[in-house]
C-alpha atoms as a PDB file:
ATOM      1  CA  MET A   1      94.910  69.712  57.836  1.00  0.00           C
ATOM      2  CA  ILE A   2      95.499  73.292  57.301  1.00  0.00           C
ATOM      3  CA  TYR A   3      98.514  74.954  59.392  1.00  0.00           C
ATOM      4  CA  ASN A   4      98.887  78.477  59.647  1.00  0.00           C
ATOM      5  CA  VAL A   5     102.663  79.912  59.752  1.00  0.00           C
ATOM      6  CA  PRO A   6     102.989  82.682  61.942  1.00  0.00           C
ATOM      7  CA  MET A   7     105.092  85.691  61.833  1.00  0.00           C
ATOM      8  CA  PRO A   8     107.975  84.049  63.818  1.00  0.00           C
ATOM      9  CA  SER A   9     110.043  85.834  67.036  1.00  0.00           C
ATOM     10  CA  LEU A  10     113.365  86.730  66.013  1.00  0.00           C
ATOM     11  CA  GLY A  11     114.498  87.997  69.530  1.00  0.00           C
ATOM     12  CA  ALA A  12     113.075  89.474  72.540  1.00  0.00           C
ATOM     13  CA  ASP A  13     113.286  92.714  71.583  1.00  0.00           C
ATOM     14  CA  MET A  14     111.150  92.078  68.391  1.00  0.00           C
ATOM     15  CA  ASP A  15     107.373  93.131  68.342  1.00  0.00           C
ATOM     16  CA  HIS A  16     107.208  92.697  64.333  1.00  0.00           C
ATOM     17  CA  GLY A  17     108.766  92.016  61.217  1.00  0.00           C
ATOM     18  CA  LYS A  18     108.222  93.473  57.760  1.00  0.00           C
ATOM     19  CA  LEU A  19     107.517  91.328  55.037  1.00  0.00           C
ATOM     20  CA  MET A  20     110.316  91.957  52.342  1.00  0.00           C
ATOM     21  CA  ASN A  21     109.845  89.055  50.194  1.00  0.00           C
ATOM     22  CA  TRP A  22     108.369  85.815  49.357  1.00  0.00           C
ATOM     23  CA  LYS A  23     110.247  82.777  47.967  1.00  0.00           C
ATOM     24  CA  ILE A  24     107.247  80.481  47.662  1.00  0.00           C
ATOM     25  CA  LYS A  25     104.000  80.783  45.758  1.00  0.00           C
ATOM     26  CA  PRO A  26     100.309  79.025  45.997  1.00  0.00           C
ATOM     27  CA  GLY A  27     100.619  75.749  44.696  1.00  0.00           C
ATOM     28  CA  ASP A  28     104.407  75.119  45.638  1.00  0.00           C
ATOM     29  CA  GLU A  29     105.468  71.915  47.776  1.00  0.00           C
ATOM     30  CA  VAL A  30     107.584  73.152  50.750  1.00  0.00           C
ATOM     31  CA  LYS A  31     109.881  70.944  52.582  1.00  0.00           C
ATOM     32  CA  LYS A  32     110.828  71.235  55.922  1.00  0.00           C
ATOM     33  CA  GLY A  33     113.690  73.699  56.438  1.00  0.00           C
ATOM     34  CA  GLN A  34     113.205  75.284  53.220  1.00  0.00           C
ATOM     35  CA  MET A  35     113.385  79.370  52.682  1.00  0.00           C
ATOM     36  CA  ILE A  36     110.136  80.593  52.385  1.00  0.00           C
ATOM     37  CA  ALA A  37     110.293  84.241  52.988  1.00  0.00           C
ATOM     38  CA  GLU A  38     112.310  87.512  54.034  1.00  0.00           C
ATOM     39  CA  VAL A  39     111.640  89.416  56.618  1.00  0.00           C
ATOM     40  CA  GLU A  40     113.041  92.968  57.784  1.00  0.00           C
ATOM     41  CA  THR A  41     113.579  93.101  61.550  1.00  0.00           C
ATOM     42  CA  THR A  42     115.164  95.838  63.712  1.00  0.00           C
ATOM     43  CA  LYS A  43     118.542  93.917  63.092  1.00  0.00           C
ATOM     44  CA  SER A  44     118.866  92.709  59.895  1.00  0.00           C
ATOM     45  CA  THR A  45     117.008  91.151  57.145  1.00  0.00           C
ATOM     46  CA  VAL A  46     116.497  87.380  57.933  1.00  0.00           C
ATOM     47  CA  GLU A  47     115.543  84.592  55.688  1.00  0.00           C
ATOM     48  CA  ILE A  48     112.485  82.413  57.529  1.00  0.00           C
ATOM     49  CA  GLU A  49     112.686  79.003  56.982  1.00  0.00           C
ATOM     50  CA  SER A  50     109.397  76.465  57.050  1.00  0.00           C
ATOM     51  CA  PHE A  51     109.258  73.855  60.086  1.00  0.00           C
ATOM     52  CA  LYS A  52     106.878  72.134  58.226  1.00  0.00           C
ATOM     53  CA  GLU A  53     106.279  70.188  54.911  1.00  0.00           C
ATOM     54  CA  GLY A  54     103.327  70.786  52.929  1.00  0.00           C
ATOM     55  CA  ARG A  55     101.557  72.685  50.000  1.00  0.00           C
ATOM     56  CA  VAL A  56     101.399  76.258  49.706  1.00  0.00           C
ATOM     57  CA  LEU A  57      97.664  77.109  50.386  1.00  0.00           C
ATOM     58  CA  ASP A  58      97.425  80.940  50.635  1.00  0.00           C
ATOM     59  CA  LEU A  59     100.109  83.904  51.198  1.00  0.00           C
ATOM     60  CA  LEU A  60      98.467  86.226  53.627  1.00  0.00           C
ATOM     61  CA  GLY A  61     101.279  88.376  54.163  1.00  0.00           C
ATOM     62  CA  LYS A  62     101.808  91.176  51.334  1.00  0.00           C
ATOM     63  CA  VAL A  63     105.379  92.101  50.789  1.00  0.00           C
ATOM     64  CA  GLY A  64     106.714  95.529  52.474  1.00  0.00           C
ATOM     65  CA  GLU A  65     103.602  94.945  55.092  1.00  0.00           C
ATOM     66  CA  ASP A  66     104.668  95.039  59.065  1.00  0.00           C
ATOM     67  CA  VAL A  67     103.021  92.175  60.785  1.00  0.00           C
ATOM     68  CA  PRO A  68     103.279  91.347  64.369  1.00  0.00           C
ATOM     69  CA  VAL A  69     104.527  88.400  66.104  1.00  0.00           C
ATOM     70  CA  GLY A  70     102.322  85.116  65.537  1.00  0.00           C
ATOM     71  CA  GLN A  71     100.197  86.614  62.987  1.00  0.00           C
ATOM     72  CA  PRO A  72      99.844  84.089  60.010  1.00  0.00           C
ATOM     73  CA  ILE A  73     101.240  85.095  56.985  1.00  0.00           C
ATOM     74  CA  ALA A  74     100.790  81.848  55.199  1.00  0.00           C
ATOM     75  CA  ARG A  75      98.405  78.780  55.094  1.00  0.00           C
ATOM     76  CA  PHE A  76      99.951  74.891  54.234  1.00  0.00           C
ATOM     77  CA  GLU A  77      97.930  72.099  53.710  1.00  0.00           C
ATOM     78  CA  VAL A  78     100.227  69.408  55.561  1.00  0.00           C
ATOM     79  CA  ALA A  79      99.693  65.949  56.251  1.00  0.00           C
ATOM     80  CA  GLY A  80      96.531  65.023  58.423  1.00  0.00           C
ATOM     81  CA  SER A  81      93.046  64.370  58.284  1.00  0.00           C
ATOM     82  CA  ASP A  82      91.188  67.634  59.434  1.00  0.00           C
ATOM     83  CA  LEU A  83      90.821  69.909  56.799  1.00  0.00           C
ATOM     84  CA  ALA A  84      89.288  72.609  58.696  1.00  0.00           C
ATOM     85  CA  PRO A  85      91.476  76.242  59.035  1.00  0.00           C
ATOM     86  CA  GLU A  86      92.741  76.385  62.600  1.00  0.00           C
ATOM     87  CA  PRO A  87      91.467  79.692  63.895  1.00  0.00           C
ATOM     88  CA  PRO A  88      92.865  82.334  66.150  1.00  0.00           C
ATOM     89  CA  VAL A  89      93.046  81.373  69.408  1.00  0.00           C
ATOM     90  CA  LYS A  90      92.326  84.302  72.003  1.00  0.00           C
ATOM     91  CA  ILE A  91      92.846  83.430  75.870  1.00  0.00           C
ATOM     92  CA  PRO A  92      90.285  85.122  77.921  1.00  0.00           C
ATOM     93  CA  GLU A  93      92.093  87.907  80.251  1.00  0.00           C
ATOM     94  CA  MET A  94      90.812  86.074  83.315  1.00  0.00           C
ATOM     95  CA  ARG A  95      92.644  83.085  82.599  1.00  0.00           C
ATOM     96  CA  LEU A  96      96.157  84.748  81.905  1.00  0.00           C
ATOM     97  CA  LYS A  97      98.588  84.313  84.985  1.00  0.00           C
ATOM     98  CA  ILE A  98      99.613  87.907  85.569  1.00  0.00           C
ATOM     99  CA  SER A  99     101.934  89.843  88.379  1.00  0.00           C
ATOM    100  CA  PRO A 100      99.686  92.424  90.216  1.00  0.00           C
ATOM    101  CA  ALA A 101     102.361  95.223  89.083  1.00  0.00           C
ATOM    102  CA  ALA A 102     101.914  94.311  85.265  1.00  0.00           C
ATOM    103  CA  ARG A 103      98.499  94.095  86.059  1.00  0.00           C
ATOM    104  CA  LYS A 104      97.973  97.692  87.168  1.00  0.00           C
ATOM    105  CA  PHE A 105     100.356  99.117  84.746  1.00  0.00           C
ATOM    106  CA  ALA A 106      98.294  97.668  82.130  1.00  0.00           C
ATOM    107  CA  THR A 107      95.002  98.804  83.156  1.00  0.00           C
ATOM    108  CA  ASP A 108      96.684 102.455  83.244  1.00  0.00           C
ATOM    109  CA  ARG A 109      97.661 102.485  80.078  1.00  0.00           C
ATOM    110  CA  ASN A 110      94.821 100.574  78.402  1.00  0.00           C
ATOM    111  CA  VAL A 111      97.070  97.203  77.264  1.00  0.00           C
ATOM    112  CA  ASP A 112      95.466  94.168  75.734  1.00  0.00           C
ATOM    113  CA  LEU A 113      97.220  91.682  78.118  1.00  0.00           C
ATOM    114  CA  THR A 114      95.843  89.275  75.543  1.00  0.00           C
ATOM    115  CA  GLN A 115      98.453  89.918  72.925  1.00  0.00           C
ATOM    116  CA  ILE A 116     101.546  89.635  75.184  1.00  0.00           C
ATOM    117  CA  LYS A 117     103.676  86.721  75.978  1.00  0.00           C
ATOM    118  CA  GLY A 118     104.831  86.250  79.260  1.00  0.00           C
ATOM    119  CA  SER A 119     108.134  85.509  80.445  1.00  0.00           C
ATOM    120  CA  GLY A 120     107.760  84.493  84.160  1.00  0.00           C
ATOM    121  CA  PRO A 121     106.937  81.066  85.857  1.00  0.00           C
ATOM    122  CA  GLU A 122     104.420  79.659  83.526  1.00  0.00           C
ATOM    123  CA  GLY A 123     104.373  81.927  81.056  1.00  0.00           C
ATOM    124  CA  GLN A 124     103.173  84.694  83.912  1.00  0.00           C
ATOM    125  CA  ILE A 125     103.280  88.190  82.427  1.00  0.00           C
ATOM    126  CA  GLU A 126     105.605  90.495  84.387  1.00  0.00           C
ATOM    127  CA  LEU A 127     105.995  93.886  84.652  1.00  0.00           C
ATOM    128  CA  LYS A 128     108.889  93.906  82.149  1.00  0.00           C
ATOM    129  CA  ASP A 129     106.555  92.153  79.445  1.00  0.00           C
ATOM    130  CA  VAL A 130     104.409  95.332  79.396  1.00  0.00           C
ATOM    131  CA  GLU A 131     106.627  97.908  79.327  1.00  0.00           C
ATOM    132  CA  VAL A 132     108.406  96.521  76.534  1.00  0.00           C
ATOM    133  CA  LYS A 133     105.036  96.246  74.732  1.00  0.00           C
ATOM    134  CA  THR A 134     103.806  99.809  75.422  1.00  0.00           C
ATOM    135  CA  HIS A 135     107.811 100.969  73.721  1.00  0.00           C
ATOM    136  CA  PRO A 136     107.880  98.832  71.004  1.00  0.00           C
ATOM    137  CA  ILE A 137     110.987  99.025  68.921  1.00  0.00           C
ATOM    138  CA  LYS A 138     109.737  99.449  65.306  1.00  0.00           C
ATOM    139  CA  SER A 139     111.066  97.635  62.163  1.00  0.00           C
ATOM    140  CA  GLY A 140     114.320 100.113  60.722  1.00  0.00           C
ATOM    141  CA  SER A 141     114.644 101.898  63.792  1.00  0.00           C
ATOM    142  CA  ASN A 142     117.969 102.328  65.677  1.00  0.00           C
ATOM    143  CA  LEU A 143     119.733  99.277  66.262  1.00  0.00           C
ATOM    144  CA  ARG A 144     121.536 100.602  69.271  1.00  0.00           C
ATOM    145  CA  GLU A 145     118.009 101.120  70.786  1.00  0.00           C
ATOM    146  CA  ALA A 146     117.308  97.509  70.600  1.00  0.00           C
ATOM    147  CA  ILE A 147     120.974  96.331  71.544  1.00  0.00           C
ATOM    148  CA  ALA A 148     120.311  98.690  74.648  1.00  0.00           C
ATOM    149  CA  LYS A 149     116.649  96.987  75.836  1.00  0.00           C
ATOM    150  CA  ALA A 150     118.443  93.675  75.532  1.00  0.00           C
ATOM    151  CA  MET A 151     121.572  93.821  77.470  1.00  0.00           C
ATOM    152  CA  SER A 152     119.240  96.413  80.242  1.00  0.00           C
ATOM    153  CA  HIS A 153     117.072  93.353  80.636  1.00  0.00           C
ATOM    154  CA  SER A 154     119.726  91.227  80.782  1.00  0.00           C
ATOM    155  CA  LYS A 155     121.966  93.315  83.569  1.00  0.00           C
ATOM    156  CA  LYS A 156     119.012  93.523  85.939  1.00  0.00           C
ATOM    157  CA  GLU A 157     117.769  89.897  85.784  1.00  0.00           C
ATOM    158  CA  ILE A 158     120.893  87.745  85.357  1.00  0.00           C
ATOM    159  CA  PRO A 159     123.108  87.587  88.090  1.00  0.00           C
ATOM    160  CA  HIS A 160     126.428  87.816  86.465  1.00  0.00           C
ATOM    161  CA  TYR A 161     129.780  86.658  87.649  1.00  0.00           C
ATOM    162  CA  TYR A 162     133.177  87.403  86.363  1.00  0.00           C
ATOM    163  CA  LEU A 163     136.610  85.664  85.791  1.00  0.00           C
ATOM    164  CA  LYS A 164     139.730  86.151  83.603  1.00  0.00           C
ATOM    165  CA  SER A 165     142.175  84.560  82.568  1.00  0.00           C
ATOM    166  CA  GLN A 166     145.629  85.442  80.538  1.00  0.00           C
ATOM    167  CA  VAL A 167     147.052  82.614  77.761  1.00  0.00           C
ATOM    168  CA  THR A 168     149.995  82.442  75.919  1.00  0.00           C
ATOM    169  CA  LEU A 169     149.935  81.960  72.319  1.00  0.00           C
ATOM    170  CA  GLY A 170     153.202  81.451  71.083  1.00  0.00           C
ATOM    171  CA  VAL A 171     152.774  77.315  70.306  1.00  0.00           C
ATOM    172  CA  LEU A 172     149.278  78.158  68.737  1.00  0.00           C
ATOM    173  CA  LEU A 173     150.583  80.620  66.248  1.00  0.00           C
ATOM    174  CA  LYS A 174     153.500  78.595  65.277  1.00  0.00           C
ATOM    175  CA  TRP A 175     150.937  75.727  64.758  1.00  0.00           C
ATOM    176  CA  VAL A 176     148.581  78.256  62.548  1.00  0.00           C
ATOM    177  CA  ASP A 177     151.516  79.136  60.562  1.00  0.00           C
ATOM    178  CA  GLU A 178     152.438  75.905  59.629  1.00  0.00           C
ATOM    179  CA  LYS A 179     149.579  74.974  58.731  1.00  0.00           C
ATOM    180  CA  ASN A 180     148.871  77.939  56.196  1.00  0.00           C
ATOM    181  CA  LYS A 181     152.475  77.623  54.656  1.00  0.00           C
ATOM    182  CA  ASN A 182     150.720  75.476  51.876  1.00  0.00           C
ATOM    183  CA  LEU A 183     147.349  76.693  51.699  1.00  0.00           C
ATOM    184  CA  SER A 184     145.519  79.339  49.344  1.00  0.00           C
ATOM    185  CA  PRO A 185     144.996  83.058  51.165  1.00  0.00           C
ATOM    186  CA  GLU A 186     140.945  81.824  51.191  1.00  0.00           C
ATOM    187  CA  ASN A 187     141.447  79.024  52.739  1.00  0.00           C
ATOM    188  CA  ARG A 188     143.711  79.654  55.252  1.00  0.00           C
ATOM    189  CA  LEU A 189     142.958  78.950  59.258  1.00  0.00           C
ATOM    190  CA  LEU A 190     141.990  82.269  60.769  1.00  0.00           C
ATOM    191  CA  VAL A 191     143.188  82.776  64.465  1.00  0.00           C
ATOM    192  CA  PRO A 192     139.957  83.619  65.750  1.00  0.00           C
ATOM    193  CA  VAL A 193     138.218  80.252  64.472  1.00  0.00           C
ATOM    194  CA  VAL A 194     141.017  78.269  66.169  1.00  0.00           C
ATOM    195  CA  LEU A 195     140.018  80.178  69.109  1.00  0.00           C
ATOM    196  CA  PHE A 196     136.584  79.262  68.711  1.00  0.00           C
ATOM    197  CA  LYS A 197     137.422  75.929  68.138  1.00  0.00           C
ATOM    198  CA  ALA A 198     139.166  75.748  71.865  1.00  0.00           C
ATOM    199  CA  VAL A 199     136.006  77.111  73.015  1.00  0.00           C
ATOM    200  CA  ILE A 200     133.748  74.545  72.008  1.00  0.00           C
ATOM    201  CA  LYS A 201     135.936  71.606  72.672  1.00  0.00           C
ATOM    202  CA  SER A 202     135.703  73.337  76.471  1.00  0.00           C
ATOM    203  CA  LEU A 203     132.129  73.840  76.547  1.00  0.00           C
ATOM    204  CA  GLN A 204     132.140  69.898  75.600  1.00  0.00           C
ATOM    205  CA  ASP A 205     133.905  69.057  78.850  1.00  0.00           C
ATOM    206  CA  TYR A 206     131.803  71.861  80.958  1.00  0.00           C
ATOM    207  CA  PRO A 207     128.459  71.844  79.153  1.00  0.00           C
ATOM    208  CA  GLN A 208     126.957  73.760  82.137  1.00  0.00           C
ATOM    209  CA  MET A 209     127.935  76.625  80.337  1.00  0.00           C
ATOM    210  CA  ASN A 210     125.933  75.693  77.157  1.00  0.00           C
ATOM    211  CA  GLY A 211     122.072  76.226  77.266  1.00  0.00           C
ATOM    212  CA  TYR A 212     119.239  78.584  78.364  1.00  0.00           C
ATOM    213  CA  PHE A 213     117.732  79.695  81.823  1.00  0.00           C
ATOM    214  CA  LYS A 214     114.049  79.935  81.040  1.00  0.00           C
ATOM    215  CA  ASN A 215     111.144  80.162  83.654  1.00  0.00           C
ATOM    216  CA  GLU A 216     113.314  79.824  86.491  1.00  0.00           C
ATOM    217  CA  VAL A 217     115.005  76.622  85.082  1.00  0.00           C
ATOM    218  CA  TYR A 218     118.339  75.623  83.316  1.00  0.00           C
ATOM    219  CA  GLU A 219     117.912  73.847  80.077  1.00  0.00           C
ATOM    220  CA  PRO A 220     120.966  72.132  79.057  1.00  0.00           C
ATOM    221  CA  SER A 221     121.766  71.976  75.311  1.00  0.00           C
ATOM    222  CA  GLN A 222     123.602  69.317  73.725  1.00  0.00           C
ATOM    223  CA  PRO A 223     123.929  71.041  70.382  1.00  0.00           C
ATOM    224  CA  ILE A 224     126.386  73.972  70.416  1.00  0.00           C
ATOM    225  CA  HIS A 225     125.012  77.038  68.574  1.00  0.00           C
ATOM    226  CA  LEU A 226     128.186  79.165  68.913  1.00  0.00           C
ATOM    227  CA  GLY A 227     126.731  82.922  68.646  1.00  0.00           C
ATOM    228  CA  VAL A 228     129.577  84.805  67.135  1.00  0.00           C
ATOM    229  CA  ALA A 229     129.433  88.924  67.755  1.00  0.00           C
ATOM    230  CA  ILE A 230     129.777  90.772  64.430  1.00  0.00           C
ATOM    231  CA  ALA A 231     130.448  94.249  64.427  1.00  0.00           C
ATOM    232  CA  LEU A 232     128.367  95.603  61.152  1.00  0.00           C
ATOM    233  CA  LYS A 233     129.595  98.261  58.751  1.00  0.00           C
ATOM    234  CA  THR A 234     126.533 100.073  59.215  1.00  0.00           C
ATOM    235  CA  GLY A 235     126.942 100.536  63.047  1.00  0.00           C
ATOM    236  CA  GLY A 236     125.737  97.831  65.671  1.00  0.00           C
ATOM    237  CA  VAL A 237     126.711  94.284  66.315  1.00  0.00           C
ATOM    238  CA  LEU A 238     124.620  91.328  65.424  1.00  0.00           C
ATOM    239  CA  VAL A 239     125.174  87.714  67.243  1.00  0.00           C
ATOM    240  CA  PRO A 240     124.215  84.872  64.822  1.00  0.00           C
ATOM    241  CA  ALA A 241     124.993  81.448  65.681  1.00  0.00           C
ATOM    242  CA  LEU A 242     127.297  78.942  64.075  1.00  0.00           C
ATOM    243  CA  LEU A 243     124.597  75.793  64.368  1.00  0.00           C
ATOM    244  CA  ASP A 244     125.937  72.290  65.452  1.00  0.00           C
ATOM    245  CA  ALA A 245     129.486  73.836  65.839  1.00  0.00           C
ATOM    246  CA  GLU A 246     130.541  71.293  67.556  1.00  0.00           C
ATOM    247  CA  LYS A 247     129.897  68.896  64.632  1.00  0.00           C
ATOM    248  CA  MET A 248     132.520  70.382  62.543  1.00  0.00           C
ATOM    249  CA  ASN A 249     136.436  69.991  61.689  1.00  0.00           C
ATOM    250  CA  LEU A 250     138.099  72.633  62.068  1.00  0.00           C
ATOM    251  CA  ARG A 251     138.401  73.515  58.124  1.00  0.00           C
ATOM    252  CA  GLU A 252     134.845  73.259  58.266  1.00  0.00           C
ATOM    253  CA  LEU A 253     134.264  75.714  61.019  1.00  0.00           C
ATOM    254  CA  ASN A 254     136.863  78.243  59.319  1.00  0.00           C
ATOM    255  CA  THR A 255     134.740  78.031  56.211  1.00  0.00           C
ATOM    256  CA  ALA A 256     131.704  78.211  58.060  1.00  0.00           C
ATOM    257  CA  PHE A 257     132.947  81.621  60.151  1.00  0.00           C
ATOM    258  CA  GLN A 258     133.474  83.409  56.931  1.00  0.00           C
ATOM    259  CA  ASP A 259     130.094  82.578  55.323  1.00  0.00           C
ATOM    260  CA  LEU A 260     128.473  83.642  58.476  1.00  0.00           C
ATOM    261  CA  VAL A 261     130.228  87.183  58.361  1.00  0.00           C
ATOM    262  CA  GLN A 262     129.980  87.816  54.814  1.00  0.00           C
ATOM    263  CA  ARG A 263     125.820  86.765  54.948  1.00  0.00           C
ATOM    264  CA  THR A 264     125.680  89.065  58.545  1.00  0.00           C
ATOM    265  CA  GLN A 265     126.908  92.035  56.478  1.00  0.00           C
ATOM    266  CA  LYS A 266     124.750  91.250  53.456  1.00  0.00           C
ATOM    267  CA  GLY A 267     121.794  90.784  55.660  1.00  0.00           C
ATOM    268  CA  GLU A 268     121.153  87.576  54.006  1.00  0.00           C
ATOM    269  CA  LEU A 269     120.904  85.146  57.469  1.00  0.00           C
ATOM    270  CA  ARG A 270     118.358  82.772  58.585  1.00  0.00           C
ATOM    271  CA  ASN A 271     116.048  83.090  61.439  1.00  0.00           C
ATOM    272  CA  ARG A 272     117.546  79.798  63.228  1.00  0.00           C
ATOM    273  CA  GLU A 273     121.028  81.492  63.569  1.00  0.00           C
ATOM    274  CA  LEU A 274     119.645  84.386  64.854  1.00  0.00           C
ATOM    275  CA  THR A 275     117.154  82.786  67.653  1.00  0.00           C
ATOM    276  CA  GLU A 276     118.969  79.430  68.500  1.00  0.00           C
ATOM    277  CA  GLY A 277     122.247  80.512  69.608  1.00  0.00           C
ATOM    278  CA  THR A 278     123.291  78.555  73.217  1.00  0.00           C
ATOM    279  CA  VAL A 279     126.391  80.415  74.375  1.00  0.00           C
ATOM    280  CA  THR A 280     127.999  83.595  72.746  1.00  0.00           C
ATOM    281  CA  VAL A 281     131.836  84.638  72.214  1.00  0.00           C
ATOM    282  CA  THR A 282     132.716  88.018  71.698  1.00  0.00           C
ATOM    283  CA  ASN A 283     136.152  88.650  69.982  1.00  0.00           C
ATOM    284  CA  MET A 284     137.956  92.046  70.081  1.00  0.00           C
ATOM    285  CA  GLY A 285     140.459  91.441  67.321  1.00  0.00           C
ATOM    286  CA  ASP A 286     143.456  93.136  66.294  1.00  0.00           C
ATOM    287  CA  LEU A 287     142.060  96.997  67.138  1.00  0.00           C
ATOM    288  CA  GLY A 288     140.190  96.377  70.216  1.00  0.00           C
ATOM    289  CA  SER A 289     140.683  96.247  73.955  1.00  0.00           C
ATOM    290  CA  GLU A 290     143.116  93.758  75.424  1.00  0.00           C
ATOM    291  CA  GLU A 291     139.945  92.301  77.418  1.00  0.00           C
ATOM    292  CA  VAL A 292     136.364  92.358  77.768  1.00  0.00           C
ATOM    293  CA  PHE A 293     133.867  91.595  79.917  1.00  0.00           C
ATOM    294  CA  GLY A 294     130.742  91.156  77.614  1.00  0.00           C
ATOM    295  CA  ILE A 295     127.261  91.092  78.886  1.00  0.00           C
ATOM    296  CA  ILE A 296     125.042  87.640  78.770  1.00  0.00           C
ATOM    297  CA  PHE A 297     122.909  87.491  75.740  1.00  0.00           C
ATOM    298  CA  PRO A 298     119.305  86.138  77.425  1.00  0.00           C
ATOM    299  CA  PRO A 299     118.184  83.650  77.773  1.00  0.00           C
ATOM    300  CA  GLN A 300     121.842  82.214  77.568  1.00  0.00           C
ATOM    301  CA  VAL A 301     123.625  81.599  80.722  1.00  0.00           C
ATOM    302  CA  ALA A 302     127.580  82.424  79.366  1.00  0.00           C
ATOM    303  CA  LEU A 303     129.420  84.890  77.450  1.00  0.00           C
ATOM    304  CA  ILE A 304     132.976  84.241  76.656  1.00  0.00           C
ATOM    305  CA  GLY A 305     135.095  87.334  75.942  1.00  0.00           C
ATOM    306  CA  LEU A 306     138.570  87.533  73.671  1.00  0.00           C
ATOM    307  CA  GLY A 307     140.488  90.216  74.200  1.00  0.00           C
ATOM    308  CA  ARG A 308     143.121  91.946  71.559  1.00  0.00           C
ATOM    309  CA  MET A 309     146.397  89.603  70.958  1.00  0.00           C
ATOM    310  CA  HIS A 310     149.144  91.249  72.358  1.00  0.00           C
ATOM    311  CA  LYS A 311     152.852  91.073  73.642  1.00  0.00           C
ATOM    312  CA  ALA A 312     153.302  90.826  77.482  1.00  0.00           C
ATOM    313  CA  PRO A 313     156.252  90.051  79.453  1.00  0.00           C
ATOM    314  CA  VAL A 314     155.957  86.068  80.423  1.00  0.00           C
ATOM    315  CA  VAL A 315     158.002  84.465  82.873  1.00  0.00           C
ATOM    316  CA  GLU A 316     158.951  80.862  82.021  1.00  0.00           C
ATOM    317  CA  LYS A 317     161.529  79.035  84.213  1.00  0.00           C
ATOM    318  CA  GLU A 318     162.418  82.315  86.361  1.00  0.00           C
ATOM    319  CA  ILE A 319     163.186  84.132  82.852  1.00  0.00           C
ATOM    320  CA  ILE A 320     161.150  86.817  81.532  1.00  0.00           C
ATOM    321  CA  LYS A 321     160.651  87.654  77.580  1.00  0.00           C
ATOM    322  CA  PRO A 322     158.242  89.028  75.696  1.00  0.00           C
ATOM    323  CA  GLU A 323     155.456  86.752  74.269  1.00  0.00           C
ATOM    324  CA  PHE A 324     152.238  86.734  72.577  1.00  0.00           C
ATOM    325  CA  VAL A 325     149.257  86.536  75.088  1.00  0.00           C
ATOM    326  CA  ILE A 326     145.638  86.801  74.759  1.00  0.00           C
ATOM    327  CA  ASP A 327     142.971  87.753  78.046  1.00  0.00           C
ATOM    328  CA  ILE A 328     140.012  85.558  78.118  1.00  0.00           C
ATOM    329  CA  THR A 329     137.451  86.190  80.125  1.00  0.00           C
ATOM    330  CA  LEU A 330     133.840  84.585  81.419  1.00  0.00           C
ATOM    331  CA  SER A 331     130.950  86.380  82.100  1.00  0.00           C
ATOM    332  CA  ALA A 332     128.376  83.631  83.642  1.00  0.00           C
ATOM    333  CA  ASP A 333     124.949  83.221  85.066  1.00  0.00           C
ATOM    334  CA  HIS A 334     125.295  82.856  88.727  1.00  0.00           C
ATOM    335  CA  ARG A 335     121.885  80.915  88.879  1.00  0.00           C
ATOM    336  CA  VAL A 336     123.452  78.097  87.217  1.00  0.00           C
ATOM    337  CA  THR A 337     127.276  77.878  87.832  1.00  0.00           C
ATOM    338  CA  ASP A 338     129.593  79.327  90.025  1.00  0.00           C
ATOM    339  CA  GLY A 339     133.224  80.811  90.590  1.00  0.00           C
ATOM    340  CA  LEU A 340     134.372  77.111  90.777  1.00  0.00           C
ATOM    341  CA  ASN A 341     132.553  75.911  87.536  1.00  0.00           C
ATOM    342  CA  GLY A 342     133.981  79.090  86.070  1.00  0.00           C
ATOM    343  CA  ALA A 343     137.645  78.607  86.576  1.00  0.00           C
ATOM    344  CA  ARG A 344     137.423  74.689  85.448  1.00  0.00           C
ATOM    345  CA  PHE A 345     136.137  76.008  82.407  1.00  0.00           C
ATOM    346  CA  LEU A 346     138.723  78.659  81.514  1.00  0.00           C
ATOM    347  CA  ALA A 347     141.843  75.977  82.832  1.00  0.00           C
ATOM    348  CA  SER A 348     140.306  73.357  80.185  1.00  0.00           C
ATOM    349  CA  LEU A 349     139.992  76.347  77.413  1.00  0.00           C
ATOM    350  CA  GLU A 350     143.859  77.252  78.345  1.00  0.00           C
ATOM    351  CA  ARG A 351     144.665  73.771  77.988  1.00  0.00           C
ATOM    352  CA  ASN A 352     143.157  73.266  74.531  1.00  0.00           C
ATOM    353  CA  LEU A 353     144.783  76.532  73.325  1.00  0.00           C
ATOM    354  CA  LYS A 354     148.429  75.502  74.420  1.00  0.00           C
ATOM    355  CA  ASN A 355     147.798  71.942  72.540  1.00  0.00           C
ATOM    356  CA  PRO A 356     146.413  73.327  69.202  1.00  0.00           C
ATOM    357  CA  SER A 357     147.053  69.834  67.399  1.00  0.00           C
ATOM    358  CA  GLN A 358     144.072  68.436  69.536  1.00  0.00           C
ATOM    359  CA  LEU A 359     141.791  71.051  67.886  1.00  0.00           C
ATOM    360  CA  GLU A 360     141.701  69.483  64.503  1.00  0.00           C
END
């Protein structure tokens, strides 16, 4: 049968994307997961992968063209008996679920509600959905504006709660130094990666921090797609995900993270890396603040903040001594977890960081 390949949505703030390059041509056989095109969004240039296997019939999208989300950009012939093309389906407005405020707002501004995807229960179109549609962020516009919109919606819609824990890192830093003694510079373990691995291990013990809150329902995720906030050299931040991070050992995670950072800076991310994150970690690094209380990246339900490592007075056996510490914060969705869940998660994370040999 004929499958119309749509312009994918690569984020809640994306209304359309610019087709930058095709990696396929008519007649090619395409495998599932194969990269088929490059699309420019407000945030980056992203490689789009195919979710179907089949033969390319037509390339409908032109390079350099802005294409609305959902509009077909190519046609594939896929396994099946029905070879008739799939016509675009237009839902009559009377069948749409629309809140009264959204309907009035749309009527006053002559907005076509059939072109809007609702974020409410059972796909109901809410006021915020129409507001975003009337002020779209066009491809290539300021990334800071896109970030501001996403985070504003998060703060308005998600009831955040915040917790903080300070963890000593003396044992962990000595362990990392020992591991890196005989390794070449490019293969040495990065301390942030060891922190990420500890987070992943704690998420496996407390899975309620890993998943999505959609349509007023929490959807847990078995895979851990660890979103990592990465500052761009050109300004702004992207949060691509280390996909299936729970399956990686420490060395594999180290390599995957370095590769992710390089591709983020080059604008070579894949669509899954930007859309399928299940939880986010933000790391202040050497030059950042000692603590950070982040805003949850919807529809995720938690964000872990790693402050700058610094020396502080620590009391051990009634003796005060200087020690490297890190302030770890948790921003979590109160609709899914509460302070007790959060405190247990942070306690688990502290145990993992104080026993780094268990992270290999």
